[in-house]
PDB file of N, CA and C in Angstrom:
ATOM      1  N   UNK A   1      24.315 -14.033  10.162  1.00  0.00           N
ATOM      2  CA  UNK A   1      23.634 -12.857   9.663  1.00  0.00           C
ATOM      3  C   UNK A   1      24.653 -11.759   9.384  1.00  0.00           C
ATOM      4  N   UNK A   2      24.468 -11.085   8.260  1.00  0.00           N
ATOM      5  CA  UNK A   2      25.374 -10.005   7.877  1.00  0.00           C
ATOM      6  C   UNK A   2      24.619  -8.683   7.877  1.00  0.00           C
ATOM      7  N   UNK A   3      25.225  -7.674   8.473  1.00  0.00           N
ATOM      8  CA  UNK A   3      24.666  -6.333   8.489  1.00  0.00           C
ATOM      9  C   UNK A   3      25.572  -5.470   7.620  1.00  0.00           C
ATOM     10  N   UNK A   4      24.997  -4.844   6.592  1.00  0.00           N
ATOM     11  CA  UNK A   4      25.776  -4.060   5.646  1.00  0.00           C
ATOM     12  C   UNK A   4      25.615  -2.563   5.921  1.00  0.00           C
ATOM     13  N   UNK A   5      26.726  -1.865   5.968  1.00  0.00           N
ATOM     14  CA  UNK A   5      26.760  -0.424   6.184  1.00  0.00           C
ATOM     15  C   UNK A   5      27.254   0.213   4.889  1.00  0.00           C
ATOM     16  N   UNK A   6      26.379   0.928   4.195  1.00  0.00           N
ATOM     17  CA  UNK A   6      26.730   1.557   2.930  1.00  0.00           C
ATOM     18  C   UNK A   6      26.530   3.056   3.052  1.00  0.00           C
ATOM     19  N   UNK A   7      27.541   3.829   2.661  1.00  0.00           N
ATOM     20  CA  UNK A   7      27.422   5.274   2.765  1.00  0.00           C
ATOM     21  C   UNK A   7      28.636   5.974   2.205  1.00  0.00           C
ATOM     22  N   UNK A   8      28.671   7.284   2.403  1.00  0.00           N
ATOM     23  CA  UNK A   8      29.756   8.119   1.904  1.00  0.00           C
ATOM     24  C   UNK A   8      30.989   8.003   2.800  1.00  0.00           C
ATOM     25  N   UNK A   9      32.122   8.303   2.217  1.00  0.00           N
ATOM     26  CA  UNK A   9      33.376   8.309   2.968  1.00  0.00           C
ATOM     27  C   UNK A   9      33.275   9.331   4.102  1.00  0.00           C
ATOM     28  N   UNK A  10      33.689   8.968   5.290  1.00  0.00           N
ATOM     29  CA  UNK A  10      33.669   9.771   6.516  1.00  0.00           C
ATOM     30  C   UNK A  10      32.267  10.008   7.080  1.00  0.00           C
ATOM     31  N   UNK A  11      31.252   9.415   6.487  1.00  0.00           N
ATOM     32  CA  UNK A  11      29.888   9.551   7.010  1.00  0.00           C
ATOM     33  C   UNK A  11      29.646   8.482   8.074  1.00  0.00           C
ATOM     34  N   UNK A  12      28.720   8.764   8.985  1.00  0.00           N
ATOM     35  CA  UNK A  12      28.332   7.799  10.006  1.00  0.00           C
ATOM     36  C   UNK A  12      27.017   7.155   9.592  1.00  0.00           C
ATOM     37  N   UNK A  13      27.019   5.828   9.556  1.00  0.00           N
ATOM     38  CA  UNK A  13      25.828   5.063   9.189  1.00  0.00           C
ATOM     39  C   UNK A  13      25.386   4.297  10.433  1.00  0.00           C
ATOM     40  N   UNK A  14      24.083   4.346  10.737  1.00  0.00           N
ATOM     41  CA  UNK A  14      23.540   3.655  11.907  1.00  0.00           C
ATOM     42  C   UNK A  14      22.598   2.551  11.442  1.00  0.00           C
ATOM     43  N   UNK A  15      22.791   1.363  11.975  1.00  0.00           N
ATOM     44  CA  UNK A  15      21.895   0.232  11.713  1.00  0.00           C
ATOM     45  C   UNK A  15      21.362  -0.264  13.046  1.00  0.00           C
ATOM     46  N   UNK A  16      20.151  -0.805  13.005  1.00  0.00           N
ATOM     47  CA  UNK A  16      19.548  -1.351  14.215  1.00  0.00           C
ATOM     48  C   UNK A  16      19.465  -2.866  14.109  1.00  0.00           C
ATOM     49  N   UNK A  17      19.748  -3.524  15.227  1.00  0.00           N
ATOM     50  CA  UNK A  17      19.618  -4.972  15.333  1.00  0.00           C
ATOM     51  C   UNK A  17      18.487  -5.243  16.310  1.00  0.00           C
ATOM     52  N   UNK A  18      17.475  -5.967  15.857  1.00  0.00           N
ATOM     53  CA  UNK A  18      16.326  -6.267  16.720  1.00  0.00           C
ATOM     54  C   UNK A  18      16.540  -7.637  17.366  1.00  0.00           C
ATOM     55  N   UNK A  19      16.393  -7.662  18.691  1.00  0.00           N
ATOM     56  CA  UNK A  19      16.543  -8.896  19.460  1.00  0.00           C
ATOM     57  C   UNK A  19      15.222  -9.196  20.150  1.00  0.00           C
ATOM     58  N   UNK A  20      14.790 -10.459  20.053  1.00  0.00           N
ATOM     59  CA  UNK A  20      13.532 -10.873  20.682  1.00  0.00           C
ATOM     60  C   UNK A  20      13.816 -11.868  21.797  1.00  0.00           C
ATOM     61  N   UNK A  21      13.012 -11.791  22.845  1.00  0.00           N
ATOM     62  CA  UNK A  21      13.113 -12.717  23.961  1.00  0.00           C
ATOM     63  C   UNK A  21      11.790 -13.489  24.064  1.00  0.00           C
ATOM     64  N   UNK A  22      11.760 -14.737  23.572  1.00  0.00           N
ATOM     65  CA  UNK A  22      10.524 -15.512  23.623  1.00  0.00           C
ATOM     66  C   UNK A  22      10.274 -16.174  24.987  1.00  0.00           C
ATOM     67  N   UNK A  23      11.255 -16.122  25.864  1.00  0.00           N
ATOM     68  CA  UNK A  23      11.123 -16.828  27.148  1.00  0.00           C
ATOM     69  C   UNK A  23      10.364 -15.986  28.178  1.00  0.00           C
ATOM     70  N   UNK A  24      10.140 -16.585  29.344  1.00  0.00           N
ATOM     71  CA  UNK A  24       9.435 -15.894  30.432  1.00  0.00           C
ATOM     72  C   UNK A  24      10.391 -15.284  31.443  1.00  0.00           C
ATOM     73  N   UNK A  25      11.679 -15.292  31.117  1.00  0.00           N
ATOM     74  CA  UNK A  25      12.700 -14.728  32.010  1.00  0.00           C
ATOM     75  C   UNK A  25      13.444 -13.613  31.270  1.00  0.00           C
ATOM     76  N   UNK A  26      13.967 -12.689  32.040  1.00  0.00           N
ATOM     77  CA  UNK A  26      14.760 -11.607  31.467  1.00  0.00           C
ATOM     78  C   UNK A  26      16.083 -12.143  30.937  1.00  0.00           C
ATOM     79  N   UNK A  27      16.484 -11.664  29.762  1.00  0.00           N
ATOM     80  CA  UNK A  27      17.777 -12.030  29.190  1.00  0.00           C
ATOM     81  C   UNK A  27      18.685 -10.812  29.198  1.00  0.00           C
ATOM     82  N   UNK A  28      19.964 -11.043  29.497  1.00  0.00           N
ATOM     83  CA  UNK A  28      20.965  -9.965  29.449  1.00  0.00           C
ATOM     84  C   UNK A  28      22.129 -10.422  28.592  1.00  0.00           C
ATOM     85  N   UNK A  29      22.643  -9.480  27.796  1.00  0.00           N
ATOM     86  CA  UNK A  29      23.771  -9.775  26.912  1.00  0.00           C
ATOM     87  C   UNK A  29      24.856  -8.730  27.077  1.00  0.00           C
ATOM     88  N   UNK A  30      26.108  -9.157  26.916  1.00  0.00           N
ATOM     89  CA  UNK A  30      27.250  -8.259  26.768  1.00  0.00           C
ATOM     90  C   UNK A  30      27.540  -8.189  25.274  1.00  0.00           C
ATOM     91  N   UNK A  31      27.554  -6.997  24.713  1.00  0.00           N
ATOM     92  CA  UNK A  31      27.848  -6.814  23.294  1.00  0.00           C
ATOM     93  C   UNK A  31      29.320  -6.462  23.134  1.00  0.00           C
ATOM     94  N   UNK A  32      29.992  -7.176  22.248  1.00  0.00           N
ATOM     95  CA  UNK A  32      31.427  -6.986  22.028  1.00  0.00           C
ATOM     96  C   UNK A  32      31.658  -6.865  20.531  1.00  0.00           C
ATOM     97  N   UNK A  33      32.461  -5.887  20.136  1.00  0.00           N
ATOM     98  CA  UNK A  33      32.859  -5.738  18.739  1.00  0.00           C
ATOM     99  C   UNK A  33      34.280  -6.245  18.592  1.00  0.00           C
ATOM    100  N   UNK A  34      34.484  -7.208  17.703  1.00  0.00           N
ATOM    101  CA  UNK A  34      35.812  -7.792  17.504  1.00  0.00           C
ATOM    102  C   UNK A  34      36.122  -7.823  16.013  1.00  0.00           C
ATOM    103  N   UNK A  35      37.405  -7.880  15.695  1.00  0.00           N
ATOM    104  CA  UNK A  35      37.818  -8.006  14.300  1.00  0.00           C
ATOM    105  C   UNK A  35      38.769  -6.899  13.885  1.00  0.00           C
ATOM    106  N   UNK A  36      39.190  -7.011  12.637  1.00  0.00           N
ATOM    107  CA  UNK A  36      40.199  -6.115  12.079  1.00  0.00           C
ATOM    108  C   UNK A  36      39.807  -4.639  12.195  1.00  0.00           C
ATOM    109  N   UNK A  37      38.556  -4.322  11.897  1.00  0.00           N
ATOM    110  CA  UNK A  37      38.110  -2.922  11.880  1.00  0.00           C
ATOM    111  C   UNK A  37      37.111  -2.605  12.985  1.00  0.00           C
ATOM    112  N   UNK A  38      37.181  -3.316  14.079  1.00  0.00           N
ATOM    113  CA  UNK A  38      36.221  -3.132  15.178  1.00  0.00           C
ATOM    114  C   UNK A  38      36.224  -1.703  15.713  1.00  0.00           C
ATOM    115  N   UNK A  39      37.353  -0.999  15.613  1.00  0.00           N
ATOM    116  CA  UNK A  39      37.425   0.374  16.124  1.00  0.00           C
ATOM    117  C   UNK A  39      36.566   1.347  15.319  1.00  0.00           C
ATOM    118  N   UNK A  40      36.203   0.990  14.091  1.00  0.00           N
ATOM    119  CA  UNK A  40      35.373   1.863  13.254  1.00  0.00           C
ATOM    120  C   UNK A  40      33.884   1.703  13.550  1.00  0.00           C
ATOM    121  N   UNK A  41      33.531   0.669  14.298  1.00  0.00           N
ATOM    122  CA  UNK A  41      32.144   0.416  14.689  1.00  0.00           C
ATOM    123  C   UNK A  41      31.976   0.782  16.153  1.00  0.00           C
ATOM    124  N   UNK A  42      30.765   1.178  16.544  1.00  0.00           N
ATOM    125  CA  UNK A  42      30.538   1.496  17.952  1.00  0.00           C
ATOM    126  C   UNK A  42      29.103   1.174  18.344  1.00  0.00           C
ATOM    127  N   UNK A  43      28.908   1.050  19.651  1.00  0.00           N
ATOM    128  CA  UNK A  43      27.591   0.805  20.243  1.00  0.00           C
ATOM    129  C   UNK A  43      27.272   2.015  21.113  1.00  0.00           C
ATOM    130  N   UNK A  44      26.548   3.027  20.560  1.00  0.00           N
ATOM    131  CA  UNK A  44      26.363   4.283  21.293  1.00  0.00           C
ATOM    132  C   UNK A  44      25.582   4.156  22.597  1.00  0.00           C
ATOM    133  N   UNK A  45      24.750   3.145  22.734  1.00  0.00           N
ATOM    134  CA  UNK A  45      23.971   2.991  23.971  1.00  0.00           C
ATOM    135  C   UNK A  45      24.668   2.098  24.986  1.00  0.00           C
ATOM    136  N   UNK A  46      25.931   1.788  24.750  1.00  0.00           N
ATOM    137  CA  UNK A  46      26.672   0.935  25.672  1.00  0.00           C
ATOM    138  C   UNK A  46      26.631  -0.515  25.246  1.00  0.00           C
ATOM    139  N   UNK A  47      27.365  -1.363  25.974  1.00  0.00           N
ATOM    140  CA  UNK A  47      27.438  -2.755  25.559  1.00  0.00           C
ATOM    141  C   UNK A  47      26.701  -3.727  26.457  1.00  0.00           C
ATOM    142  N   UNK A  48      25.768  -3.269  27.232  1.00  0.00           N
ATOM    143  CA  UNK A  48      24.911  -4.181  27.989  1.00  0.00           C
ATOM    144  C   UNK A  48      23.498  -4.073  27.438  1.00  0.00           C
ATOM    145  N   UNK A  49      22.926  -5.217  27.095  1.00  0.00           N
ATOM    146  CA  UNK A  49      21.581  -5.253  26.517  1.00  0.00           C
ATOM    147  C   UNK A  49      20.695  -6.102  27.415  1.00  0.00           C
ATOM    148  N   UNK A  50      19.548  -5.556  27.819  1.00  0.00           N
ATOM    149  CA  UNK A  50      18.586  -6.283  28.637  1.00  0.00           C
ATOM    150  C   UNK A  50      17.285  -6.412  27.852  1.00  0.00           C
ATOM    151  N   UNK A  51      16.766  -7.633  27.785  1.00  0.00           N
ATOM    152  CA  UNK A  51      15.519  -7.882  27.065  1.00  0.00           C
ATOM    153  C   UNK A  51      14.512  -8.460  28.050  1.00  0.00           C
ATOM    154  N   UNK A  52      13.416  -7.749  28.259  1.00  0.00           N
ATOM    155  CA  UNK A  52      12.368  -8.190  29.179  1.00  0.00           C
ATOM    156  C   UNK A  52      11.682  -9.443  28.624  1.00  0.00           C
ATOM    157  N   UNK A  53      11.039 -10.227  29.496  1.00  0.00           N
ATOM    158  CA  UNK A  53      10.338 -11.438  29.046  1.00  0.00           C
ATOM    159  C   UNK A  53       9.265 -11.122  28.002  1.00  0.00           C
ATOM    160  N   UNK A  54       9.210 -11.961  26.958  1.00  0.00           N
ATOM    161  CA  UNK A  54       8.212 -11.845  25.892  1.00  0.00           C
ATOM    162  C   UNK A  54       8.247 -10.479  25.198  1.00  0.00           C
ATOM    163  N   UNK A  55       9.392  -9.827  25.195  1.00  0.00           N
ATOM    164  CA  UNK A  55       9.537  -8.510  24.578  1.00  0.00           C
ATOM    165  C   UNK A  55      10.653  -8.537  23.549  1.00  0.00           C
ATOM    166  N   UNK A  56      10.845  -7.413  22.919  1.00  0.00           N
ATOM    167  CA  UNK A  56      11.963  -7.261  21.999  1.00  0.00           C
ATOM    168  C   UNK A  56      12.612  -5.908  22.223  1.00  0.00           C
ATOM    169  N   UNK A  57      13.838  -5.779  21.788  1.00  0.00           N
ATOM    170  CA  UNK A  57      14.566  -4.526  21.907  1.00  0.00           C
ATOM    171  C   UNK A  57      15.451  -4.365  20.691  1.00  0.00           C
ATOM    172  N   UNK A  58      15.920  -3.155  20.466  1.00  0.00           N
ATOM    173  CA  UNK A  58      16.854  -2.919  19.366  1.00  0.00           C
ATOM    174  C   UNK A  58      18.135  -2.318  19.926  1.00  0.00           C
ATOM    175  N   UNK A  59      19.235  -2.658  19.289  1.00  0.00           N
ATOM    176  CA  UNK A  59      20.509  -2.024  19.631  1.00  0.00           C
ATOM    177  C   UNK A  59      21.019  -1.326  18.376  1.00  0.00           C
ATOM    178  N   UNK A  60      21.560  -0.149  18.567  1.00  0.00           N
ATOM    179  CA  UNK A  60      22.119   0.618  17.452  1.00  0.00           C
ATOM    180  C   UNK A  60      23.592   0.288  17.300  1.00  0.00           C
ATOM    181  N   UNK A  61      23.998   0.084  16.053  1.00  0.00           N
ATOM    182  CA  UNK A  61      25.407  -0.109  15.729  1.00  0.00           C
ATOM    183  C   UNK A  61      25.775   1.011  14.764  1.00  0.00           C
ATOM    184  N   UNK A  62      26.810   1.778  15.104  1.00  0.00           N
ATOM    185  CA  UNK A  62      27.251   2.888  14.263  1.00  0.00           C
ATOM    186  C   UNK A  62      28.558   2.538  13.578  1.00  0.00           C
ATOM    187  N   UNK A  63      28.689   3.023  12.343  1.00  0.00           N
ATOM    188  CA  UNK A  63      29.930   2.833  11.594  1.00  0.00           C
ATOM    189  C   UNK A  63      30.320   4.159  10.961  1.00  0.00           C
ATOM    190  N   UNK A  64      31.573   4.544  11.128  1.00  0.00           N
ATOM    191  CA  UNK A  64      32.112   5.733  10.471  1.00  0.00           C
ATOM    192  C   UNK A  64      33.289   5.295   9.616  1.00  0.00           C
ATOM    193  N   UNK A  65      33.161   5.504   8.304  1.00  0.00           N
ATOM    194  CA  UNK A  65      34.213   5.051   7.384  1.00  0.00           C
ATOM    195  C   UNK A  65      35.397   6.013   7.413  1.00  0.00           C
ATOM    196  N   UNK A  66      36.571   5.432   7.441  1.00  0.00           N
ATOM    197  CA  UNK A  66      37.808   6.216   7.409  1.00  0.00           C
ATOM    198  C   UNK A  66      38.607   5.949   6.149  1.00  0.00           C
ATOM    199  N   UNK A  67      38.345   4.800   5.513  1.00  0.00           N
ATOM    200  CA  UNK A  67      39.110   4.376   4.346  1.00  0.00           C
ATOM    201  C   UNK A  67      38.160   3.950   3.230  1.00  0.00           C
ATOM    202  N   UNK A  68      38.664   3.874   2.016  1.00  0.00           N
ATOM    203  CA  UNK A  68      37.846   3.426   0.882  1.00  0.00           C
ATOM    204  C   UNK A  68      37.642   1.913   0.890  1.00  0.00           C
ATOM    205  N   UNK A  69      38.583   1.186   1.454  1.00  0.00           N
ATOM    206  CA  UNK A  69      38.457  -0.272   1.462  1.00  0.00           C
ATOM    207  C   UNK A  69      37.311  -0.696   2.383  1.00  0.00           C
ATOM    208  N   UNK A  70      36.673  -1.834   2.087  1.00  0.00           N
ATOM    209  CA  UNK A  70      35.590  -2.314   2.958  1.00  0.00           C
ATOM    210  C   UNK A  70      36.103  -2.647   4.361  1.00  0.00           C
ATOM    211  N   UNK A  71      35.325  -2.315   5.358  1.00  0.00           N
ATOM    212  CA  UNK A  71      35.656  -2.635   6.749  1.00  0.00           C
ATOM    213  C   UNK A  71      34.860  -3.863   7.168  1.00  0.00           C
ATOM    214  N   UNK A  72      35.457  -4.671   8.048  1.00  0.00           N
ATOM    215  CA  UNK A  72      34.797  -5.877   8.543  1.00  0.00           C
ATOM    216  C   UNK A  72      35.016  -6.015  10.040  1.00  0.00           C
ATOM    217  N   UNK A  73      33.976  -6.464  10.711  1.00  0.00           N
ATOM    218  CA  UNK A  73      34.061  -6.760  12.144  1.00  0.00           C
ATOM    219  C   UNK A  73      32.938  -7.739  12.475  1.00  0.00           C
ATOM    220  N   UNK A  74      32.910  -8.160  13.733  1.00  0.00           N
ATOM    221  CA  UNK A  74      31.865  -9.074  14.202  1.00  0.00           C
ATOM    222  C   UNK A  74      31.261  -8.497  15.472  1.00  0.00           C
ATOM    223  N   UNK A  75      29.929  -8.474  15.519  1.00  0.00           N
ATOM    224  CA  UNK A  75      29.208  -8.106  16.734  1.00  0.00           C
ATOM    225  C   UNK A  75      28.880  -9.405  17.447  1.00  0.00           C
ATOM    226  N   UNK A  76      29.411  -9.549  18.643  1.00  0.00           N
ATOM    227  CA  UNK A  76      29.235 -10.763  19.430  1.00  0.00           C
ATOM    228  C   UNK A  76      28.378 -10.430  20.647  1.00  0.00           C
ATOM    229  N   UNK A  77      27.265 -11.128  20.814  1.00  0.00           N
ATOM    230  CA  UNK A  77      26.381 -10.933  21.966  1.00  0.00           C
ATOM    231  C   UNK A  77      26.471 -12.173  22.841  1.00  0.00           C
ATOM    232  N   UNK A  78      27.105 -12.002  23.996  1.00  0.00           N
ATOM    233  CA  UNK A  78      27.329 -13.112  24.921  1.00  0.00           C
ATOM    234  C   UNK A  78      26.364 -12.969  26.083  1.00  0.00           C
ATOM    235  N   UNK A  79      25.613 -14.031  26.348  1.00  0.00           N
ATOM    236  CA  UNK A  79      24.584 -14.007  27.383  1.00  0.00           C
ATOM    237  C   UNK A  79      25.195 -13.965  28.768  1.00  0.00           C
ATOM    238  N   UNK A  80      24.552 -13.171  29.646  1.00  0.00           N
ATOM    239  CA  UNK A  80      24.890 -13.161  31.070  1.00  0.00           C
ATOM    240  C   UNK A  80      23.851 -14.027  31.774  1.00  0.00           C
ATOM    241  N   UNK A  81      24.276 -14.758  32.770  1.00  0.00           N
ATOM    242  CA  UNK A  81      23.355 -15.614  33.517  1.00  0.00           C
ATOM    243  C   UNK A  81      22.521 -14.757  34.465  1.00  0.00           C
ATOM    244  N   UNK A  82      21.190 -14.760  34.247  1.00  0.00           N
ATOM    245  CA  UNK A  82      20.267 -14.006  35.095  1.00  0.00           C
ATOM    246  C   UNK A  82      19.217 -14.984  35.610  1.00  0.00           C
ATOM    247  N   UNK A  83      19.213 -15.234  36.904  1.00  0.00           N
ATOM    248  CA  UNK A  83      18.221 -16.136  37.486  1.00  0.00           C
ATOM    249  C   UNK A  83      18.296 -17.553  36.941  1.00  0.00           C
ATOM    250  N   UNK A  84      19.502 -18.007  36.614  1.00  0.00           N
ATOM    251  CA  UNK A  84      19.669 -19.370  36.114  1.00  0.00           C
ATOM    252  C   UNK A  84      19.344 -19.531  34.636  1.00  0.00           C
ATOM    253  N   UNK A  85      19.079 -18.433  33.928  1.00  0.00           N
ATOM    254  CA  UNK A  85      18.738 -18.499  32.507  1.00  0.00           C
ATOM    255  C   UNK A  85      19.887 -17.944  31.678  1.00  0.00           C
ATOM    256  N   UNK A  86      20.336 -18.733  30.705  1.00  0.00           N
ATOM    257  CA  UNK A  86      21.341 -18.294  29.741  1.00  0.00           C
ATOM    258  C   UNK A  86      20.708 -18.251  28.369  1.00  0.00           C
ATOM    259  N   UNK A  87      20.942 -17.170  27.639  1.00  0.00           N
ATOM    260  CA  UNK A  87      20.487 -17.091  26.254  1.00  0.00           C
ATOM    261  C   UNK A  87      21.574 -17.631  25.341  1.00  0.00           C
ATOM    262  N   UNK A  88      21.229 -17.838  24.096  1.00  0.00           N
ATOM    263  CA  UNK A  88      22.208 -18.309  23.110  1.00  0.00           C
ATOM    264  C   UNK A  88      23.163 -17.168  22.773  1.00  0.00           C
ATOM    265  N   UNK A  89      24.414 -17.506  22.504  1.00  0.00           N
ATOM    266  CA  UNK A  89      25.372 -16.518  22.035  1.00  0.00           C
ATOM    267  C   UNK A  89      25.026 -16.181  20.589  1.00  0.00           C
ATOM    268  N   UNK A  90      24.978 -14.883  20.280  1.00  0.00           N
ATOM    269  CA  UNK A  90      24.593 -14.436  18.943  1.00  0.00           C
ATOM    270  C   UNK A  90      25.774 -13.738  18.274  1.00  0.00           C
ATOM    271  N   UNK A  91      25.943 -13.972  16.975  1.00  0.00           N
ATOM    272  CA  UNK A  91      26.999 -13.300  16.220  1.00  0.00           C
ATOM    273  C   UNK A  91      26.414 -12.686  14.956  1.00  0.00           C
ATOM    274  N   UNK A  92      26.915 -11.496  14.635  1.00  0.00           N
ATOM    275  CA  UNK A  92      26.511 -10.793  13.428  1.00  0.00           C
ATOM    276  C   UNK A  92      27.766 -10.297  12.725  1.00  0.00           C
ATOM    277  N   UNK A  93      27.856 -10.573  11.443  1.00  0.00           N
ATOM    278  CA  UNK A  93      28.968 -10.082  10.639  1.00  0.00           C
ATOM    279  C   UNK A  93      28.653  -8.651  10.212  1.00  0.00           C
ATOM    280  N   UNK A  94      29.607  -7.738  10.393  1.00  0.00           N
ATOM    281  CA  UNK A  94      29.435  -6.335  10.033  1.00  0.00           C
ATOM    282  C   UNK A  94      30.354  -6.024   8.858  1.00  0.00           C
ATOM    283  N   UNK A  95      29.787  -5.518   7.771  1.00  0.00           N
ATOM    284  CA  UNK A  95      30.580  -5.192   6.585  1.00  0.00           C
ATOM    285  C   UNK A  95      30.185  -3.817   6.076  1.00  0.00           C
ATOM    286  N   UNK A  96      31.158  -3.105   5.503  1.00  0.00           N
ATOM    287  CA  UNK A  96      30.883  -1.759   5.008  1.00  0.00           C
ATOM    288  C   UNK A  96      31.259  -1.635   3.548  1.00  0.00           C
ATOM    289  N   UNK A  97      30.661  -0.625   2.928  1.00  0.00           N
ATOM    290  CA  UNK A  97      30.999  -0.288   1.546  1.00  0.00           C
ATOM    291  C   UNK A  97      30.869   1.221   1.389  1.00  0.00           C
ATOM    292  N   UNK A  98      31.899   1.842   0.840  1.00  0.00           N
ATOM    293  CA  UNK A  98      31.859   3.271   0.550  1.00  0.00           C
ATOM    294  C   UNK A  98      31.353   3.418  -0.879  1.00  0.00           C
ATOM    295  N   UNK A  99      30.214   4.103  -1.043  1.00  0.00           N
ATOM    296  CA  UNK A  99      29.634   4.230  -2.379  1.00  0.00           C
ATOM    297  C   UNK A  99      29.634   5.662  -2.896  1.00  0.00           C
ATOM    298  N   UNK A 100      30.201   6.593  -2.102  1.00  0.00           N
ATOM    299  CA  UNK A 100      30.176   7.993  -2.502  1.00  0.00           C
ATOM    300  C   UNK A 100      31.292   8.733  -1.770  1.00  0.00           C
ATOM    301  N   UNK A 101      31.889   9.686  -2.458  1.00  0.00           N
ATOM    302  CA  UNK A 101      32.932  10.497  -1.840  1.00  0.00           C
ATOM    303  C   UNK A 101      32.562  11.960  -2.013  1.00  0.00           C
ATOM    304  N   UNK A 102      32.424  12.665  -0.908  1.00  0.00           N
ATOM    305  CA  UNK A 102      32.167  14.111  -0.912  1.00  0.00           C
ATOM    306  C   UNK A 102      33.502  14.819  -0.713  1.00  0.00           C
ATOM    307  N   UNK A 103      33.810  15.797  -1.540  1.00  0.00           N
ATOM    308  CA  UNK A 103      35.069  16.517  -1.323  1.00  0.00           C
ATOM    309  C   UNK A 103      35.032  17.315  -0.018  1.00  0.00           C
ATOM    310  N   UNK A 104      36.134  17.299   0.688  1.00  0.00           N
ATOM    311  CA  UNK A 104      36.224  18.057   1.935  1.00  0.00           C
ATOM    312  C   UNK A 104      36.309  19.552   1.648  1.00  0.00           C
ATOM    313  N   UNK A 105      36.959  19.898   0.540  1.00  0.00           N
ATOM    314  CA  UNK A 105      37.102  21.293   0.169  1.00  0.00           C
ATOM    315  C   UNK A 105      37.523  21.354  -1.301  1.00  0.00           C
ATOM    316  N   UNK A 106      37.314  22.501  -1.932  1.00  0.00           N
ATOM    317  CA  UNK A 106      37.728  22.694  -3.315  1.00  0.00           C
ATOM    318  C   UNK A 106      38.686  23.886  -3.335  1.00  0.00           C
ATOM    319  N   UNK A 107      39.842  23.683  -3.908  1.00  0.00           N
ATOM    320  CA  UNK A 107      40.854  24.733  -4.010  1.00  0.00           C
ATOM    321  C   UNK A 107      41.042  25.098  -5.473  1.00  0.00           C
ATOM    322  N   UNK A 108      41.106  26.388  -5.769  1.00  0.00           N
ATOM    323  CA  UNK A 108      41.381  26.850  -7.124  1.00  0.00           C
ATOM    324  C   UNK A 108      42.790  27.422  -7.143  1.00  0.00           C
ATOM    325  N   UNK A 109      43.555  26.970  -8.113  1.00  0.00           N
ATOM    326  CA  UNK A 109      44.945  27.419  -8.233  1.00  0.00           C
ATOM    327  C   UNK A 109      45.181  27.901  -9.663  1.00  0.00           C
ATOM    328  N   UNK A 110      46.040  28.915  -9.793  1.00  0.00           N
ATOM    329  CA  UNK A 110      46.467  29.369 -11.104  1.00  0.00           C
ATOM    330  C   UNK A 110      47.978  29.277 -11.147  1.00  0.00           C
ATOM    331  N   UNK A 111      48.442  28.692 -12.267  1.00  0.00           N
ATOM    332  CA  UNK A 111      49.873  28.633 -12.432  1.00  0.00           C
ATOM    333  C   UNK A 111      50.147  28.458 -13.924  1.00  0.00           C
ATOM    334  N   UNK A 112      51.287  28.912 -14.373  1.00  0.00           N
ATOM    335  CA  UNK A 112      51.604  28.729 -15.803  1.00  0.00           C
ATOM    336  C   UNK A 112      51.832  27.241 -16.068  1.00  0.00           C
ATOM    337  N   UNK A 113      51.371  26.827 -17.236  1.00  0.00           N
ATOM    338  CA  UNK A 113      51.542  25.420 -17.603  1.00  0.00           C
ATOM    339  C   UNK A 113      52.976  25.150 -18.063  1.00  0.00           C
ATOM    340  N   UNK A 114      53.600  26.191 -18.684  1.00  0.00           N
ATOM    341  CA  UNK A 114      54.928  25.979 -19.213  1.00  0.00           C
ATOM    342  C   UNK A 114      55.692  27.289 -19.222  1.00  0.00           C
ATOM    343  N   UNK A 115      56.936  27.245 -18.817  1.00  0.00           N
ATOM    344  CA  UNK A 115      57.805  28.421 -18.905  1.00  0.00           C
ATOM    345  C   UNK A 115      59.109  28.017 -19.514  1.00  0.00           C
ATOM    346  N   UNK A 116      59.671  28.916 -20.327  1.00  0.00           N
ATOM    347  CA  UNK A 116      61.007  28.669 -20.916  1.00  0.00           C
ATOM    348  C   UNK A 116      62.063  28.873 -19.870  1.00  0.00           C
TER     349      UNK A 116
END
């Protein structure tokens, strides 16, 4: 699964990942961001995810663009053993695209175009 983050340069884009637990036991995951641009992505609610039995939860993934080039990382959810139950390891590809650039400031300058 690929999660796409599209926005302006230096803007923060937030996406939600919905996780469902169909079992009758609580599932716990450690969320890890890995890859070339993993530092540009973050998990604001921390990297431990708990899903109650027969419930679902969402985790927020934030991305702040620093460069014009596309950023890539992987969100890895590794199950913790709780009461003898292990969930499947989940992976999500994270990709970004800068589609707009807002100027940080506008400067007006006057100077002669040509002097002898």
